[in-house]
Amino acid sequence: MDAVAIDFFARTAPSEDRSEAFDFMAQVPLTKPETLQADIVAGAAYLRAADGGKVKNLYSVGFCFGGALSYLQAASGLEYAVPSAPGPWAPGPWFHGGARAPRGHRAGRRDPGSPAGARV
């Protein structure tokens, strides 16, 4: 298995510290859709290239903020499957018309931000 983990806050955080003390929620509103998407595109391209393993099957997964970004990838044109748990950032019904990739949503049973039918 080949994988890439993207640091969505590398462009906004004042340091590389991602310990428990890192206030990631303060960074969320500082992110920009175009730079997040550029990082995701770069990660997908790397995994599909020889140096990244030339993967045949590509998936995007995430939880909460990362899950919402993962979920939105179904409409990105990058052609990969998207199992995700977007939590409170779940895209609304407006999004589903743009989805072109297979997608799924699973969440913890106590996640109030996820539809009851997706909770396991």
PDB file of N, CA and C in Angstrom:
ATOM      1  N   MET A   1       0.843  -1.166   0.000  1.00  0.00           N
ATOM      2  CA  MET A   1       0.000   0.000   0.000  1.00  0.00           C
ATOM      3  C   MET A   1       0.892   1.233   0.000  1.00  0.00           C
ATOM      4  N   ASP A   2       0.580   2.160  -0.886  1.00  0.00           N
ATOM      5  CA  ASP A   2       1.270   3.442  -0.945  1.00  0.00           C
ATOM      6  C   ASP A   2       0.301   4.502  -0.438  1.00  0.00           C
ATOM      7  N   ALA A   3       0.822   5.472   0.298  1.00  0.00           N
ATOM      8  CA  ALA A   3      -0.051   6.481   0.881  1.00  0.00           C
ATOM      9  C   ALA A   3       0.660   7.820   0.995  1.00  0.00           C
ATOM     10  N   VAL A   4      -0.138   8.864   1.015  1.00  0.00           N
ATOM     11  CA  VAL A   4       0.346  10.221   1.241  1.00  0.00           C
ATOM     12  C   VAL A   4      -0.560  10.848   2.288  1.00  0.00           C
ATOM     13  N   ALA A   5       0.030  11.489   3.275  1.00  0.00           N
ATOM     14  CA  ALA A   5      -0.736  12.268   4.252  1.00  0.00           C
ATOM     15  C   ALA A   5      -0.429  13.735   3.992  1.00  0.00           C
ATOM     16  N   ILE A   6      -1.448  14.504   3.766  1.00  0.00           N
ATOM     17  CA  ILE A   6      -1.275  15.925   3.449  1.00  0.00           C
ATOM     18  C   ILE A   6      -1.505  16.754   4.701  1.00  0.00           C
ATOM     19  N   ASP A   7      -0.572  17.641   4.983  1.00  0.00           N
ATOM     20  CA  ASP A   7      -0.717  18.573   6.097  1.00  0.00           C
ATOM     21  C   ASP A   7      -1.480  19.789   5.573  1.00  0.00           C
ATOM     22  N   PHE A   8      -2.777  19.827   5.821  1.00  0.00           N
ATOM     23  CA  PHE A   8      -3.616  20.904   5.306  1.00  0.00           C
ATOM     24  C   PHE A   8      -3.280  22.259   5.916  1.00  0.00           C
ATOM     25  N   PHE A   9      -2.480  22.279   6.957  1.00  0.00           N
ATOM     26  CA  PHE A   9      -2.144  23.536   7.626  1.00  0.00           C
ATOM     27  C   PHE A   9      -0.694  23.955   7.404  1.00  0.00           C
ATOM     28  N   ALA A  10       0.013  23.277   6.515  1.00  0.00           N
ATOM     29  CA  ALA A  10       1.418  23.614   6.256  1.00  0.00           C
ATOM     30  C   ALA A  10       1.573  25.034   5.720  1.00  0.00           C
ATOM     31  N   ARG A  11       0.568  25.525   5.012  1.00  0.00           N
ATOM     32  CA  ARG A  11       0.643  26.872   4.440  1.00  0.00           C
ATOM     33  C   ARG A  11       0.214  27.962   5.418  1.00  0.00           C
ATOM     34  N   THR A  12      -0.468  27.596   6.500  1.00  0.00           N
ATOM     35  CA  THR A  12      -1.016  28.622   7.400  1.00  0.00           C
ATOM     36  C   THR A  12      -0.432  28.611   8.810  1.00  0.00           C
ATOM     37  N   ALA A  13      -0.013  27.465   9.277  1.00  0.00           N
ATOM     38  CA  ALA A  13       0.462  27.351  10.666  1.00  0.00           C
ATOM     39  C   ALA A  13       1.809  28.064  10.847  1.00  0.00           C
ATOM     40  N   PRO A  14       2.010  28.655  12.016  1.00  0.00           N
ATOM     41  CA  PRO A  14       3.254  29.389  12.266  1.00  0.00           C
ATOM     42  C   PRO A  14       4.464  28.489  12.503  1.00  0.00           C
ATOM     43  N   SER A  15       4.244  27.183  12.708  1.00  0.00           N
ATOM     44  CA  SER A  15       5.354  26.257  12.932  1.00  0.00           C
ATOM     45  C   SER A  15       4.960  24.872  12.421  1.00  0.00           C
ATOM     46  N   GLU A  16       5.892  23.937  12.503  1.00  0.00           N
ATOM     47  CA  GLU A  16       5.630  22.558  12.095  1.00  0.00           C
ATOM     48  C   GLU A  16       5.109  21.704  13.251  1.00  0.00           C
ATOM     49  N   ASP A  17       4.893  22.284  14.398  1.00  0.00           N
ATOM     50  CA  ASP A  17       4.405  21.553  15.567  1.00  0.00           C
ATOM     51  C   ASP A  17       2.979  21.059  15.320  1.00  0.00           C
ATOM     52  N   ARG A  18       2.785  19.739  15.352  1.00  0.00           N
ATOM     53  CA  ARG A  18       1.452  19.150  15.219  1.00  0.00           C
ATOM     54  C   ARG A  18       1.153  18.263  16.428  1.00  0.00           C
ATOM     55  N   SER A  19       1.726  18.644  17.576  1.00  0.00           N
ATOM     56  CA  SER A  19       1.485  17.908  18.820  1.00  0.00           C
ATOM     57  C   SER A  19       0.060  18.167  19.295  1.00  0.00           C
ATOM     58  N   GLU A  20      -0.297  17.592  20.406  1.00  0.00           N
ATOM     59  CA  GLU A  20      -1.623  17.806  20.998  1.00  0.00           C
ATOM     60  C   GLU A  20      -1.885  19.283  21.286  1.00  0.00           C
ATOM     61  N   ALA A  21      -0.833  20.061  21.440  1.00  0.00           N
ATOM     62  CA  ALA A  21      -0.972  21.487  21.742  1.00  0.00           C
ATOM     63  C   ALA A  21      -1.333  22.314  20.502  1.00  0.00           C
ATOM     64  N   PHE A  22      -1.212  21.734  19.326  1.00  0.00           N
ATOM     65  CA  PHE A  22      -1.482  22.471  18.092  1.00  0.00           C
ATOM     66  C   PHE A  22      -2.960  22.832  18.001  1.00  0.00           C
ATOM     67  N   ASP A  23      -3.263  24.105  17.805  1.00  0.00           N
ATOM     68  CA  ASP A  23      -4.638  24.589  17.702  1.00  0.00           C
ATOM     69  C   ASP A  23      -5.072  24.570  16.236  1.00  0.00           C
ATOM     70  N   PHE A  24      -5.428  23.385  15.753  1.00  0.00           N
ATOM     71  CA  PHE A  24      -5.781  23.253  14.343  1.00  0.00           C
ATOM     72  C   PHE A  24      -7.041  24.029  13.980  1.00  0.00           C
ATOM     73  N   MET A  25      -7.972  24.160  14.913  1.00  0.00           N
ATOM     74  CA  MET A  25      -9.215  24.874  14.598  1.00  0.00           C
ATOM     75  C   MET A  25      -8.956  26.347  14.281  1.00  0.00           C
ATOM     76  N   ALA A  26      -7.913  26.913  14.844  1.00  0.00           N
ATOM     77  CA  ALA A  26      -7.570  28.301  14.528  1.00  0.00           C
ATOM     78  C   ALA A  26      -7.053  28.418  13.092  1.00  0.00           C
ATOM     79  N   GLN A  27      -6.555  27.320  12.538  1.00  0.00           N
ATOM     80  CA  GLN A  27      -6.004  27.323  11.190  1.00  0.00           C
ATOM     81  C   GLN A  27      -7.059  27.076  10.109  1.00  0.00           C
ATOM     82  N   VAL A  28      -8.143  26.404  10.458  1.00  0.00           N
ATOM     83  CA  VAL A  28      -9.163  26.047   9.465  1.00  0.00           C
ATOM     84  C   VAL A  28      -9.651  27.258   8.665  1.00  0.00           C
ATOM     85  N   PRO A  29     -10.038  28.360   9.298  1.00  0.00           N
ATOM     86  CA  PRO A  29     -10.538  29.488   8.498  1.00  0.00           C
ATOM     87  C   PRO A  29      -9.451  30.188   7.673  1.00  0.00           C
ATOM     88  N   LEU A  30      -8.200  29.878   7.926  1.00  0.00           N
ATOM     89  CA  LEU A  30      -7.105  30.493   7.173  1.00  0.00           C
ATOM     90  C   LEU A  30      -6.782  29.744   5.887  1.00  0.00           C
ATOM     91  N   THR A  31      -7.301  28.528   5.755  1.00  0.00           N
ATOM     92  CA  THR A  31      -7.029  27.737   4.557  1.00  0.00           C
ATOM     93  C   THR A  31      -7.821  28.303   3.380  1.00  0.00           C
ATOM     94  N   LYS A  32      -7.345  28.000   2.176  1.00  0.00           N
ATOM     95  CA  LYS A  32      -8.003  28.475   0.951  1.00  0.00           C
ATOM     96  C   LYS A  32      -8.294  27.281   0.058  1.00  0.00           C
ATOM     97  N   PRO A  33      -9.495  27.217  -0.504  1.00  0.00           N
ATOM     98  CA  PRO A  33      -9.862  26.067  -1.343  1.00  0.00           C
ATOM     99  C   PRO A  33      -8.859  25.796  -2.463  1.00  0.00           C
ATOM    100  N   GLU A  34      -8.365  26.837  -3.105  1.00  0.00           N
ATOM    101  CA  GLU A  34      -7.466  26.615  -4.242  1.00  0.00           C
ATOM    102  C   GLU A  34      -6.113  26.032  -3.826  1.00  0.00           C
ATOM    103  N   THR A  35      -5.605  26.411  -2.651  1.00  0.00           N
ATOM    104  CA  THR A  35      -4.326  25.841  -2.222  1.00  0.00           C
ATOM    105  C   THR A  35      -4.516  24.437  -1.651  1.00  0.00           C
ATOM    106  N   LEU A  36      -5.631  24.212  -0.979  1.00  0.00           N
ATOM    107  CA  LEU A  36      -5.931  22.855  -0.509  1.00  0.00           C
ATOM    108  C   LEU A  36      -6.041  21.911  -1.701  1.00  0.00           C
ATOM    109  N   GLN A  37      -6.772  22.339  -2.730  1.00  0.00           N
ATOM    110  CA  GLN A  37      -6.948  21.493  -3.905  1.00  0.00           C
ATOM    111  C   GLN A  37      -5.619  21.280  -4.623  1.00  0.00           C
ATOM    112  N   ALA A  38      -4.769  22.287  -4.677  1.00  0.00           N
ATOM    113  CA  ALA A  38      -3.456  22.136  -5.309  1.00  0.00           C
ATOM    114  C   ALA A  38      -2.628  21.074  -4.582  1.00  0.00           C
ATOM    115  N   ASP A  39      -2.684  21.064  -3.261  1.00  0.00           N
ATOM    116  CA  ASP A  39      -1.944  20.062  -2.488  1.00  0.00           C
ATOM    117  C   ASP A  39      -2.512  18.659  -2.714  1.00  0.00           C
ATOM    118  N   ILE A  40      -3.824  18.558  -2.804  1.00  0.00           N
ATOM    119  CA  ILE A  40      -4.473  17.265  -3.038  1.00  0.00           C
ATOM    120  C   ILE A  40      -4.130  16.750  -4.435  1.00  0.00           C
ATOM    121  N   VAL A  41      -4.168  17.624  -5.430  1.00  0.00           N
ATOM    122  CA  VAL A  41      -3.812  17.245  -6.803  1.00  0.00           C
ATOM    123  C   VAL A  41      -2.364  16.753  -6.849  1.00  0.00           C
ATOM    124  N   ALA A  42      -1.476  17.454  -6.153  1.00  0.00           N
ATOM    125  CA  ALA A  42      -0.062  17.053  -6.126  1.00  0.00           C
ATOM    126  C   ALA A  42       0.106  15.682  -5.468  1.00  0.00           C
ATOM    127  N   GLY A  43      -0.623  15.433  -4.388  1.00  0.00           N
ATOM    128  CA  GLY A  43      -0.550  14.140  -3.714  1.00  0.00           C
ATOM    129  C   GLY A  43      -1.043  13.012  -4.602  1.00  0.00           C
ATOM    130  N   ALA A  44      -2.152  13.241  -5.303  1.00  0.00           N
ATOM    131  CA  ALA A  44      -2.695  12.227  -6.211  1.00  0.00           C
ATOM    132  C   ALA A  44      -1.731  11.968  -7.365  1.00  0.00           C
ATOM    133  N   ALA A  45      -1.147  13.032  -7.918  1.00  0.00           N
ATOM    134  CA  ALA A  45      -0.195  12.875  -9.025  1.00  0.00           C
ATOM    135  C   ALA A  45       1.028  12.086  -8.574  1.00  0.00           C
ATOM    136  N   TYR A  46       1.502  12.367  -7.366  1.00  0.00           N
ATOM    137  CA  TYR A  46       2.655  11.634  -6.839  1.00  0.00           C
ATOM    138  C   TYR A  46       2.356  10.142  -6.732  1.00  0.00           C
ATOM    139  N   LEU A  47       1.197   9.802  -6.171  1.00  0.00           N
ATOM    140  CA  LEU A  47       0.847   8.385  -6.004  1.00  0.00           C
ATOM    141  C   LEU A  47       0.675   7.669  -7.339  1.00  0.00           C
ATOM    142  N   ARG A  48       0.264   8.386  -8.352  1.00  0.00           N
ATOM    143  CA  ARG A  48       0.075   7.768  -9.670  1.00  0.00           C
ATOM    144  C   ARG A  48       1.389   7.680 -10.464  1.00  0.00           C
ATOM    145  N   ALA A  49       2.414   8.401 -10.026  1.00  0.00           N
ATOM    146  CA  ALA A  49       3.719   8.393 -10.696  1.00  0.00           C
ATOM    147  C   ALA A  49       4.561   7.218 -10.200  1.00  0.00           C
ATOM    148  N   ALA A  50       5.640   6.930 -10.917  1.00  0.00           N
ATOM    149  CA  ALA A  50       6.525   5.812 -10.559  1.00  0.00           C
ATOM    150  C   ALA A  50       7.089   5.977  -9.149  1.00  0.00           C
ATOM    151  N   ASP A  51       7.519   7.175  -8.782  1.00  0.00           N
ATOM    152  CA  ASP A  51       8.086   7.401  -7.443  1.00  0.00           C
ATOM    153  C   ASP A  51       7.072   7.165  -6.327  1.00  0.00           C
ATOM    154  N   GLY A  52       5.789   7.325  -6.622  1.00  0.00           N
ATOM    155  CA  GLY A  52       4.747   7.143  -5.626  1.00  0.00           C
ATOM    156  C   GLY A  52       4.123   5.763  -5.636  1.00  0.00           C
ATOM    157  N   GLY A  53       4.610   4.885  -6.505  1.00  0.00           N
ATOM    158  CA  GLY A  53       4.110   3.514  -6.521  1.00  0.00           C
ATOM    159  C   GLY A  53       3.240   3.176  -7.715  1.00  0.00           C
ATOM    160  N   LYS A  54       2.940   4.145  -8.588  1.00  0.00           N
ATOM    161  CA  LYS A  54       2.065   3.923  -9.748  1.00  0.00           C
ATOM    162  C   LYS A  54       0.784   3.198  -9.341  1.00  0.00           C
ATOM    163  N   VAL A  55       0.113   3.736  -8.356  1.00  0.00           N
ATOM    164  CA  VAL A  55      -1.088   3.073  -7.845  1.00  0.00           C
ATOM    165  C   VAL A  55      -2.146   2.953  -8.932  1.00  0.00           C
ATOM    166  N   LYS A  56      -2.871   1.852  -8.884  1.00  0.00           N
ATOM    167  CA  LYS A  56      -3.964   1.620  -9.831  1.00  0.00           C
ATOM    168  C   LYS A  56      -5.296   2.050  -9.229  1.00  0.00           C
ATOM    169  N   ASN A  57      -5.423   1.903  -7.920  1.00  0.00           N
ATOM    170  CA  ASN A  57      -6.646   2.289  -7.217  1.00  0.00           C
ATOM    171  C   ASN A  57      -6.284   3.388  -6.227  1.00  0.00           C
ATOM    172  N   LEU A  58      -6.987   4.511  -6.327  1.00  0.00           N
ATOM    173  CA  LEU A  58      -6.693   5.657  -5.477  1.00  0.00           C
ATOM    174  C   LEU A  58      -7.938   6.023  -4.677  1.00  0.00           C
ATOM    175  N   TYR A  59      -7.745   6.248  -3.392  1.00  0.00           N
ATOM    176  CA  TYR A  59      -8.831   6.593  -2.488  1.00  0.00           C
ATOM    177  C   TYR A  59      -8.451   7.837  -1.702  1.00  0.00           C
ATOM    178  N   SER A  60      -9.437   8.599  -1.340  1.00  0.00           N
ATOM    179  CA  SER A  60      -9.238   9.741  -0.461  1.00  0.00           C
ATOM    180  C   SER A  60     -10.077   9.493   0.787  1.00  0.00           C
ATOM    181  N   VAL A  61      -9.454   9.568   1.946  1.00  0.00           N
ATOM    182  CA  VAL A  61     -10.182   9.370   3.201  1.00  0.00           C
ATOM    183  C   VAL A  61      -9.879  10.522   4.148  1.00  0.00           C
ATOM    184  N   GLY A  62     -10.763  10.748   5.066  1.00  0.00           N
ATOM    185  CA  GLY A  62     -10.535  11.791   6.051  1.00  0.00           C
ATOM    186  C   GLY A  62     -11.637  11.803   7.077  1.00  0.00           C
ATOM    187  N   PHE A  63     -11.442  12.605   8.092  1.00  0.00           N
ATOM    188  CA  PHE A  63     -12.448  12.781   9.129  1.00  0.00           C
ATOM    189  C   PHE A  63     -12.556  14.267   9.437  1.00  0.00           C
ATOM    190  N   CYS A  64     -13.748  14.723   9.669  1.00  0.00           N
ATOM    191  CA  CYS A  64     -14.035  16.107  10.040  1.00  0.00           C
ATOM    192  C   CYS A  64     -13.606  17.035   8.896  1.00  0.00           C
ATOM    193  N   PHE A  65     -12.723  17.980   9.126  1.00  0.00           N
ATOM    194  CA  PHE A  65     -12.290  18.901   8.071  1.00  0.00           C
ATOM    195  C   PHE A  65     -11.660  18.123   6.913  1.00  0.00           C
ATOM    196  N   GLY A  66     -10.776  17.201   7.217  1.00  0.00           N
ATOM    197  CA  GLY A  66     -10.163  16.369   6.185  1.00  0.00           C
ATOM    198  C   GLY A  66     -11.188  15.503   5.480  1.00  0.00           C
ATOM    199  N   GLY A  67     -12.204  15.072   6.211  1.00  0.00           N
ATOM    200  CA  GLY A  67     -13.269  14.275   5.614  1.00  0.00           C
ATOM    201  C   GLY A  67     -14.108  15.074   4.642  1.00  0.00           C
ATOM    202  N   ALA A  68     -14.380  16.330   4.987  1.00  0.00           N
ATOM    203  CA  ALA A  68     -15.134  17.186   4.069  1.00  0.00           C
ATOM    204  C   ALA A  68     -14.333  17.424   2.797  1.00  0.00           C
ATOM    205  N   LEU A  69     -13.035  17.673   2.949  1.00  0.00           N
ATOM    206  CA  LEU A  69     -12.179  17.845   1.770  1.00  0.00           C
ATOM    207  C   LEU A  69     -12.144  16.565   0.951  1.00  0.00           C
ATOM    208  N   SER A  70     -12.069  15.440   1.615  1.00  0.00           N
ATOM    209  CA  SER A  70     -12.069  14.155   0.936  1.00  0.00           C
ATOM    210  C   SER A  70     -13.382  13.962   0.179  1.00  0.00           C
ATOM    211  N   TYR A  71     -14.470  14.270   0.830  1.00  0.00           N
ATOM    212  CA  TYR A  71     -15.802  14.102   0.233  1.00  0.00           C
ATOM    213  C   TYR A  71     -15.946  14.963  -1.023  1.00  0.00           C
ATOM    214  N   LEU A  72     -15.422  16.177  -0.974  1.00  0.00           N
ATOM    215  CA  LEU A  72     -15.506  17.070  -2.124  1.00  0.00           C
ATOM    216  C   LEU A  72     -14.690  16.580  -3.310  1.00  0.00           C
ATOM    217  N   GLN A  73     -13.751  15.671  -3.062  1.00  0.00           N
ATOM    218  CA  GLN A  73     -12.939  15.136  -4.146  1.00  0.00           C
ATOM    219  C   GLN A  73     -13.757  14.317  -5.129  1.00  0.00           C
ATOM    220  N   ALA A  74     -14.933  13.876  -4.727  1.00  0.00           N
ATOM    221  CA  ALA A  74     -15.787  13.123  -5.638  1.00  0.00           C
ATOM    222  C   ALA A  74     -16.196  13.982  -6.837  1.00  0.00           C
ATOM    223  N   ALA A  75     -16.130  15.293  -6.712  1.00  0.00           N
ATOM    224  CA  ALA A  75     -16.474  16.207  -7.809  1.00  0.00           C
ATOM    225  C   ALA A  75     -15.235  16.869  -8.404  1.00  0.00           C
ATOM    226  N   SER A  76     -14.052  16.423  -8.006  1.00  0.00           N
ATOM    227  CA  SER A  76     -12.824  17.108  -8.413  1.00  0.00           C
ATOM    228  C   SER A  76     -12.321  16.719  -9.792  1.00  0.00           C
ATOM    229  N   GLY A  77     -12.784  15.589 -10.319  1.00  0.00           N
ATOM    230  CA  GLY A  77     -12.273  15.126 -11.592  1.00  0.00           C
ATOM    231  C   GLY A  77     -11.007  14.299 -11.463  1.00  0.00           C
ATOM    232  N   LEU A  78     -10.561  14.029 -10.243  1.00  0.00           N
ATOM    233  CA  LEU A  78      -9.346  13.244 -10.046  1.00  0.00           C
ATOM    234  C   LEU A  78      -9.597  11.744 -10.167  1.00  0.00           C
ATOM    235  N   GLU A  79     -10.855  11.365 -10.293  1.00  0.00           N
ATOM    236  CA  GLU A  79     -11.247   9.979 -10.542  1.00  0.00           C
ATOM    237  C   GLU A  79     -10.722   8.990  -9.510  1.00  0.00           C
ATOM    238  N   TYR A  80     -11.145   9.164  -8.273  1.00  0.00           N
ATOM    239  CA  TYR A  80     -10.858   8.159  -7.259  1.00  0.00           C
ATOM    240  C   TYR A  80     -12.013   8.047  -6.295  1.00  0.00           C
ATOM    241  N   ALA A  81     -12.035   6.936  -5.573  1.00  0.00           N
ATOM    242  CA  ALA A  81     -13.134   6.667  -4.644  1.00  0.00           C
ATOM    243  C   ALA A  81     -12.944   7.463  -3.365  1.00  0.00           C
ATOM    244  N   VAL A  82     -14.056   7.793  -2.724  1.00  0.00           N
ATOM    245  CA  VAL A  82     -14.019   8.676  -1.574  1.00  0.00           C
ATOM    246  C   VAL A  82     -14.853   8.136  -0.416  1.00  0.00           C
ATOM    247  N   PRO A  83     -14.286   7.238   0.425  1.00  0.00           N
ATOM    248  CA  PRO A  83     -14.960   6.906   1.680  1.00  0.00           C
ATOM    249  C   PRO A  83     -14.577   7.985   2.677  1.00  0.00           C
ATOM    250  N   SER A  84     -15.517   8.525   3.401  1.00  0.00           N
ATOM    251  CA  SER A  84     -15.211   9.712   4.190  1.00  0.00           C
ATOM    252  C   SER A  84     -16.153   9.866   5.371  1.00  0.00           C
ATOM    253  N   ALA A  85     -15.719  10.622   6.347  1.00  0.00           N
ATOM    254  CA  ALA A  85     -16.553  10.995   7.494  1.00  0.00           C
ATOM    255  C   ALA A  85     -16.397  12.485   7.716  1.00  0.00           C
ATOM    256  N   PRO A  86     -17.164  13.312   6.977  1.00  0.00           N
ATOM    257  CA  PRO A  86     -16.963  14.743   7.031  1.00  0.00           C
ATOM    258  C   PRO A  86     -17.415  15.445   8.303  1.00  0.00           C
ATOM    259  N   GLY A  87     -18.187  14.807   9.152  1.00  0.00           N
ATOM    260  CA  GLY A  87     -18.611  15.455  10.390  1.00  0.00           C
ATOM    261  C   GLY A  87     -19.355  16.746  10.122  1.00  0.00           C
ATOM    262  N   PRO A  88     -19.115  17.794  10.899  1.00  0.00           N
ATOM    263  CA  PRO A  88     -19.892  19.022  10.766  1.00  0.00           C
ATOM    264  C   PRO A  88     -19.650  19.778   9.464  1.00  0.00           C
ATOM    265  N   TRP A  89     -18.613  19.421   8.717  1.00  0.00           N
ATOM    266  CA  TRP A  89     -18.348  20.095   7.452  1.00  0.00           C
ATOM    267  C   TRP A  89     -18.957  19.355   6.277  1.00  0.00           C
ATOM    268  N   ALA A  90     -19.893  18.456   6.509  1.00  0.00           N
ATOM    269  CA  ALA A  90     -20.478  17.663   5.424  1.00  0.00           C
ATOM    270  C   ALA A  90     -21.104  18.573   4.373  1.00  0.00           C
ATOM    271  N   PRO A  91     -20.754  18.357   3.095  1.00  0.00           N
ATOM    272  CA  PRO A  91     -21.390  19.135   2.036  1.00  0.00           C
ATOM    273  C   PRO A  91     -22.879  18.829   1.993  1.00  0.00           C
ATOM    274  N   GLY A  92     -23.679  19.828   1.705  1.00  0.00           N
ATOM    275  CA  GLY A  92     -25.126  19.656   1.673  1.00  0.00           C
ATOM    276  C   GLY A  92     -25.609  19.031   0.383  1.00  0.00           C
ATOM    277  N   PRO A  93     -26.924  18.938   0.226  1.00  0.00           N
ATOM    278  CA  PRO A  93     -27.515  18.316  -0.957  1.00  0.00           C
ATOM    279  C   PRO A  93     -27.093  18.998  -2.259  1.00  0.00           C
ATOM    280  N   TRP A  94     -26.728  20.274  -2.206  1.00  0.00           N
ATOM    281  CA  TRP A  94     -26.270  21.006  -3.383  1.00  0.00           C
ATOM    282  C   TRP A  94     -25.066  20.352  -4.028  1.00  0.00           C
ATOM    283  N   PHE A  95     -24.259  19.639  -3.253  1.00  0.00           N
ATOM    284  CA  PHE A  95     -23.016  19.063  -3.743  1.00  0.00           C
ATOM    285  C   PHE A  95     -23.227  17.805  -4.571  1.00  0.00           C
ATOM    286  N   HIS A  96     -24.157  16.990  -4.203  1.00  0.00           N
ATOM    287  CA  HIS A  96     -24.257  15.644  -4.758  1.00  0.00           C
ATOM    288  C   HIS A  96     -24.420  15.612  -6.268  1.00  0.00           C
ATOM    289  N   GLY A  97     -24.992  16.642  -6.858  1.00  0.00           N
ATOM    290  CA  GLY A  97     -25.128  16.673  -8.307  1.00  0.00           C
ATOM    291  C   GLY A  97     -23.794  16.750  -9.023  1.00  0.00           C
ATOM    292  N   GLY A  98     -22.759  17.258  -8.364  1.00  0.00           N
ATOM    293  CA  GLY A  98     -21.451  17.372  -8.994  1.00  0.00           C
ATOM    294  C   GLY A  98     -20.569  16.164  -8.783  1.00  0.00           C
ATOM    295  N   ALA A  99     -20.988  15.235  -7.946  1.00  0.00           N
ATOM    296  CA  ALA A  99     -20.149  14.083  -7.632  1.00  0.00           C
ATOM    297  C   ALA A  99     -20.073  13.138  -8.822  1.00  0.00           C
ATOM    298  N   ARG A 100     -18.849  12.759  -9.171  1.00  0.00           N
ATOM    299  CA  ARG A 100     -18.650  11.832 -10.278  1.00  0.00           C
ATOM    300  C   ARG A 100     -17.960  10.557  -9.826  1.00  0.00           C
ATOM    301  N   ALA A 101     -17.370  10.546  -8.644  1.00  0.00           N
ATOM    302  CA  ALA A 101     -16.629   9.383  -8.166  1.00  0.00           C
ATOM    303  C   ALA A 101     -17.456   8.629  -7.135  1.00  0.00           C
ATOM    304  N   PRO A 102     -17.189   7.317  -6.973  1.00  0.00           N
ATOM    305  CA  PRO A 102     -17.883   6.570  -5.918  1.00  0.00           C
ATOM    306  C   PRO A 102     -17.568   7.193  -4.562  1.00  0.00           C
ATOM    307  N   ARG A 103     -18.544   7.266  -3.694  1.00  0.00           N
ATOM    308  CA  ARG A 103     -18.301   7.857  -2.389  1.00  0.00           C
ATOM    309  C   ARG A 103     -19.152   7.155  -1.342  1.00  0.00           C
ATOM    310  N   GLY A 104     -18.705   7.238  -0.112  1.00  0.00           N
ATOM    311  CA  GLY A 104     -19.440   6.671   0.999  1.00  0.00           C
ATOM    312  C   GLY A 104     -19.248   7.564   2.204  1.00  0.00           C
ATOM    313  N   HIS A 105     -20.096   7.427   3.182  1.00  0.00           N
ATOM    314  CA  HIS A 105     -20.012   8.257   4.376  1.00  0.00           C
ATOM    315  C   HIS A 105     -20.248   7.351   5.571  1.00  0.00           C
ATOM    316  N   ARG A 106     -19.294   7.291   6.458  1.00  0.00           N
ATOM    317  CA  ARG A 106     -19.433   6.535   7.692  1.00  0.00           C
ATOM    318  C   ARG A 106     -18.986   7.412   8.836  1.00  0.00           C
ATOM    319  N   ALA A 107     -19.715   7.368   9.906  1.00  0.00           N
ATOM    320  CA  ALA A 107     -19.390   8.211  11.052  1.00  0.00           C
ATOM    321  C   ALA A 107     -19.675   7.441  12.337  1.00  0.00           C
ATOM    322  N   GLY A 108     -19.080   7.896  13.407  1.00  0.00           N
ATOM    323  CA  GLY A 108     -19.362   7.323  14.710  1.00  0.00           C
ATOM    324  C   GLY A 108     -20.802   7.573  15.101  1.00  0.00           C
ATOM    325  N   ARG A 109     -21.370   6.667  15.847  1.00  0.00           N
ATOM    326  CA  ARG A 109     -22.802   6.782  16.159  1.00  0.00           C
ATOM    327  C   ARG A 109     -23.157   8.002  16.984  1.00  0.00           C
ATOM    328  N   ARG A 110     -22.183   8.634  17.606  1.00  0.00           N
ATOM    329  CA  ARG A 110     -22.480   9.820  18.412  1.00  0.00           C
ATOM    330  C   ARG A 110     -22.087  11.123  17.721  1.00  0.00           C
ATOM    331  N   ASP A 111     -21.813  11.067  16.429  1.00  0.00           N
ATOM    332  CA  ASP A 111     -21.420  12.255  15.681  1.00  0.00           C
ATOM    333  C   ASP A 111     -22.675  13.021  15.268  1.00  0.00           C
ATOM    334  N   PRO A 112     -23.021  14.109  15.979  1.00  0.00           N
ATOM    335  CA  PRO A 112     -24.256  14.822  15.679  1.00  0.00           C
ATOM    336  C   PRO A 112     -24.219  15.555  14.341  1.00  0.00           C
ATOM    337  N   GLY A 113     -23.033  15.739  13.763  1.00  0.00           N
ATOM    338  CA  GLY A 113     -22.934  16.434  12.499  1.00  0.00           C
ATOM    339  C   GLY A 113     -23.133  15.545  11.288  1.00  0.00           C
ATOM    340  N   SER A 114     -23.334  14.256  11.508  1.00  0.00           N
ATOM    341  CA  SER A 114     -23.487  13.320  10.392  1.00  0.00           C
ATOM    342  C   SER A 114     -24.905  12.775  10.352  1.00  0.00           C
ATOM    343  N   PRO A 115     -25.381  12.444   9.145  1.00  0.00           N
ATOM    344  CA  PRO A 115     -26.734  11.890   9.026  1.00  0.00           C
ATOM    345  C   PRO A 115     -26.860  10.593   9.830  1.00  0.00           C
ATOM    346  N   ALA A 116     -28.000  10.401  10.463  1.00  0.00           N
ATOM    347  CA  ALA A 116     -28.213   9.230  11.315  1.00  0.00           C
ATOM    348  C   ALA A 116     -27.974   7.931  10.555  1.00  0.00           C
ATOM    349  N   GLY A 117     -28.321   7.860   9.284  1.00  0.00           N
ATOM    350  CA  GLY A 117     -28.157   6.656   8.504  1.00  0.00           C
ATOM    351  C   GLY A 117     -26.693   6.307   8.221  1.00  0.00           C
ATOM    352  N   ALA A 118     -25.782   7.268   8.414  1.00  0.00           N
ATOM    353  CA  ALA A 118     -24.358   7.023   8.163  1.00  0.00           C
ATOM    354  C   ALA A 118     -23.614   6.612   9.420  1.00  0.00           C
ATOM    355  N   ARG A 119     -24.268   6.708  10.559  1.00  0.00           N
ATOM    356  CA  ARG A 119     -23.593   6.404  11.818  1.00  0.00           C
ATOM    357  C   ARG A 119     -23.517   4.914  12.047  1.00  0.00           C
ATOM    358  N   VAL A 120     -22.337   4.436  12.442  1.00  0.00           N
ATOM    359  CA  VAL A 120     -22.125   3.009  12.708  1.00  0.00           C
ATOM    360  C   VAL A 120     -21.772   2.767  14.153  1.00  0.00           C
TER     361      VAL A 120
END
